[in-house]
Amino acid sequence: MVAPVLLVIAAAAAGDDKVASAINALEELLHKGSPALAAYEHHVIFLKRAQQEEAVGAVDGRGS
């Protein structure tokens, strides 16, 4: 993911039509997604749900 960002910076420094092309390439990569990023997002959701269930359990007196 670093390479497309560097491409955008380099194109912006060049000051030509490569900027639009680089931004389009970066947006395409972002739309495709990343398996590692998706796994991380799922893990964060899992942790938040576990934390919420623990908080509800504490309020209901079911333990912590």
N, C-alpha and C. Protein backbone atom coordinates (compact mmCIF):
# COMPACT_ATOMS: atom_id res chain seq x y z
N MET A 1 0.83 -1.19 0.00
CA MET A 1 0.00 0.00 0.00
C MET A 1 0.87 1.24 0.00
N VAL A 2 2.10 1.14 0.43
CA VAL A 2 2.99 2.29 0.47
C VAL A 2 3.35 2.74 -0.94
N ALA A 3 3.57 1.81 -1.84
CA ALA A 3 3.99 2.15 -3.20
C ALA A 3 2.99 3.06 -3.91
N PRO A 4 1.68 2.80 -3.87
CA PRO A 4 0.74 3.72 -4.53
C PRO A 4 0.76 5.12 -3.92
N VAL A 5 0.94 5.20 -2.62
CA VAL A 5 1.01 6.51 -1.97
C VAL A 5 2.24 7.26 -2.46
N LEU A 6 3.36 6.57 -2.55
CA LEU A 6 4.57 7.20 -3.07
C LEU A 6 4.39 7.62 -4.52
N LEU A 7 3.65 6.85 -5.28
CA LEU A 7 3.36 7.18 -6.66
C LEU A 7 2.57 8.48 -6.74
N VAL A 8 1.60 8.65 -5.86
CA VAL A 8 0.80 9.88 -5.82
C VAL A 8 1.69 11.06 -5.48
N ILE A 9 2.56 10.91 -4.49
CA ILE A 9 3.45 12.00 -4.09
C ILE A 9 4.39 12.36 -5.23
N ALA A 10 4.96 11.36 -5.88
CA ALA A 10 5.88 11.62 -6.99
C ALA A 10 5.17 12.31 -8.15
N ALA A 11 3.95 11.87 -8.44
CA ALA A 11 3.20 12.47 -9.54
C ALA A 11 2.83 13.91 -9.21
N ALA A 12 2.48 14.17 -7.96
CA ALA A 12 2.15 15.53 -7.55
C ALA A 12 3.37 16.43 -7.68
N ALA A 13 4.54 15.91 -7.35
CA ALA A 13 5.77 16.68 -7.48
C ALA A 13 6.08 16.97 -8.94
N ALA A 14 5.74 16.04 -9.82
CA ALA A 14 5.98 16.24 -11.25
C ALA A 14 5.01 17.27 -11.82
N GLY A 15 3.83 17.40 -11.21
CA GLY A 15 2.86 18.41 -11.61
C GLY A 15 2.24 18.17 -12.97
N ASP A 16 1.93 16.94 -13.32
CA ASP A 16 1.31 16.67 -14.61
C ASP A 16 0.09 15.77 -14.45
N ASP A 17 -0.37 15.20 -15.56
CA ASP A 17 -1.58 14.37 -15.54
C ASP A 17 -1.39 13.04 -14.83
N LYS A 18 -0.18 12.76 -14.43
CA LYS A 18 0.07 11.51 -13.70
C LYS A 18 -0.61 11.52 -12.33
N VAL A 19 -0.90 12.71 -11.82
CA VAL A 19 -1.55 12.81 -10.51
C VAL A 19 -2.91 12.13 -10.55
N ALA A 20 -3.73 12.47 -11.53
CA ALA A 20 -5.06 11.88 -11.64
C ALA A 20 -4.96 10.36 -11.81
N SER A 21 -4.03 9.92 -12.61
CA SER A 21 -3.86 8.48 -12.83
C SER A 21 -3.43 7.78 -11.54
N ALA A 22 -2.52 8.40 -10.80
CA ALA A 22 -2.05 7.80 -9.56
C ALA A 22 -3.17 7.74 -8.52
N ILE A 23 -3.95 8.80 -8.43
CA ILE A 23 -5.07 8.81 -7.49
C ILE A 23 -6.09 7.76 -7.86
N ASN A 24 -6.38 7.62 -9.14
CA ASN A 24 -7.32 6.59 -9.59
C ASN A 24 -6.81 5.19 -9.24
N ALA A 25 -5.51 4.97 -9.42
CA ALA A 25 -4.94 3.66 -9.09
C ALA A 25 -5.04 3.39 -7.60
N LEU A 26 -4.78 4.40 -6.79
CA LEU A 26 -4.87 4.25 -5.34
C LEU A 26 -6.30 3.97 -4.91
N GLU A 27 -7.26 4.70 -5.49
CA GLU A 27 -8.66 4.46 -5.14
C GLU A 27 -9.10 3.05 -5.54
N GLU A 28 -8.62 2.57 -6.66
CA GLU A 28 -8.97 1.21 -7.10
C GLU A 28 -8.45 0.19 -6.11
N LEU A 29 -7.21 0.38 -5.63
CA LEU A 29 -6.66 -0.54 -4.64
C LEU A 29 -7.45 -0.50 -3.34
N LEU A 30 -7.86 0.69 -2.94
CA LEU A 30 -8.64 0.82 -1.71
C LEU A 30 -10.00 0.16 -1.84
N HIS A 31 -10.61 0.25 -3.02
CA HIS A 31 -11.92 -0.38 -3.24
C HIS A 31 -11.81 -1.90 -3.25
N LYS A 32 -10.69 -2.42 -3.72
CA LYS A 32 -10.50 -3.87 -3.75
C LYS A 32 -10.37 -4.43 -2.34
N GLY A 33 -9.78 -3.65 -1.47
CA GLY A 33 -9.63 -4.08 -0.09
C GLY A 33 -8.40 -4.93 0.13
N SER A 34 -8.19 -5.23 1.38
CA SER A 34 -7.03 -6.01 1.79
C SER A 34 -7.51 -7.12 2.71
N PRO A 35 -7.11 -8.35 2.44
CA PRO A 35 -7.50 -9.45 3.33
C PRO A 35 -7.04 -9.23 4.77
N ALA A 36 -5.85 -8.69 4.94
CA ALA A 36 -5.34 -8.45 6.29
C ALA A 36 -6.17 -7.37 6.99
N LEU A 37 -6.53 -6.33 6.24
CA LEU A 37 -7.34 -5.27 6.82
C LEU A 37 -8.73 -5.80 7.18
N ALA A 38 -9.30 -6.62 6.33
CA ALA A 38 -10.62 -7.20 6.61
C ALA A 38 -10.57 -8.07 7.86
N ALA A 39 -9.51 -8.87 7.99
CA ALA A 39 -9.37 -9.72 9.18
C ALA A 39 -9.23 -8.88 10.44
N TYR A 40 -8.48 -7.80 10.35
CA TYR A 40 -8.31 -6.91 11.49
C TYR A 40 -9.65 -6.29 11.88
N GLU A 41 -10.40 -5.82 10.89
CA GLU A 41 -11.71 -5.21 11.17
C GLU A 41 -12.65 -6.22 11.83
N HIS A 42 -12.64 -7.47 11.36
CA HIS A 42 -13.48 -8.51 11.97
C HIS A 42 -13.06 -8.75 13.42
N HIS A 43 -11.75 -8.74 13.66
CA HIS A 43 -11.25 -8.95 15.02
C HIS A 43 -11.67 -7.81 15.94
N VAL A 44 -11.60 -6.58 15.45
CA VAL A 44 -12.02 -5.42 16.24
C VAL A 44 -13.49 -5.52 16.59
N ILE A 45 -14.30 -5.93 15.62
CA ILE A 45 -15.74 -6.11 15.87
C ILE A 45 -15.96 -7.19 16.92
N PHE A 46 -15.22 -8.28 16.83
CA PHE A 46 -15.33 -9.36 17.81
C PHE A 46 -15.00 -8.85 19.21
N LEU A 47 -13.90 -8.08 19.32
CA LEU A 47 -13.50 -7.56 20.63
C LEU A 47 -14.53 -6.59 21.19
N LYS A 48 -15.08 -5.73 20.35
CA LYS A 48 -16.09 -4.78 20.81
C LYS A 48 -17.35 -5.51 21.28
N ARG A 49 -17.73 -6.55 20.54
CA ARG A 49 -18.92 -7.31 20.94
C ARG A 49 -18.69 -8.00 22.28
N ALA A 50 -17.50 -8.58 22.44
CA ALA A 50 -17.20 -9.25 23.71
C ALA A 50 -17.21 -8.25 24.86
N GLN A 51 -16.69 -7.07 24.63
CA GLN A 51 -16.68 -6.03 25.66
C GLN A 51 -18.11 -5.60 26.00
N GLN A 52 -18.96 -5.45 24.99
CA GLN A 52 -20.35 -5.07 25.23
C GLN A 52 -21.09 -6.16 25.98
N GLU A 53 -20.86 -7.42 25.61
CA GLU A 53 -21.53 -8.53 26.30
C GLU A 53 -21.07 -8.59 27.75
N GLU A 54 -19.81 -8.32 28.00
CA GLU A 54 -19.30 -8.31 29.37
C GLU A 54 -19.96 -7.19 30.17
N ALA A 55 -20.10 -6.02 29.55
CA ALA A 55 -20.73 -4.88 30.24
C ALA A 55 -22.19 -5.18 30.54
N VAL A 56 -22.90 -5.81 29.61
CA VAL A 56 -24.30 -6.15 29.84
C VAL A 56 -24.39 -7.20 30.94
N GLY A 57 -23.49 -8.15 30.95
CA GLY A 57 -23.49 -9.17 31.98
C GLY A 57 -23.24 -8.58 33.35
N ALA A 58 -22.37 -7.59 33.43
CA ALA A 58 -22.09 -6.95 34.72
C ALA A 58 -23.30 -6.18 35.22
N VAL A 59 -24.02 -5.54 34.32
CA VAL A 59 -25.21 -4.77 34.69
C VAL A 59 -26.33 -5.72 35.13
N ASP A 60 -26.46 -6.83 34.43
CA ASP A 60 -27.51 -7.80 34.75
C ASP A 60 -27.16 -8.64 35.97
N GLY A 61 -25.94 -8.52 36.47
CA GLY A 61 -25.52 -9.30 37.63
C GLY A 61 -25.11 -10.70 37.29
N ARG A 62 -24.77 -10.96 36.00
CA ARG A 62 -24.37 -12.29 35.57
C ARG A 62 -22.86 -12.49 35.68
N GLY A 63 -22.18 -11.60 36.30
CA GLY A 63 -20.73 -11.75 36.41
C GLY A 63 -20.03 -10.77 35.50
N SER A 64 -18.71 -10.92 35.44
CA SER A 64 -17.94 -9.97 34.62
C SER A 64 -17.23 -10.59 33.48
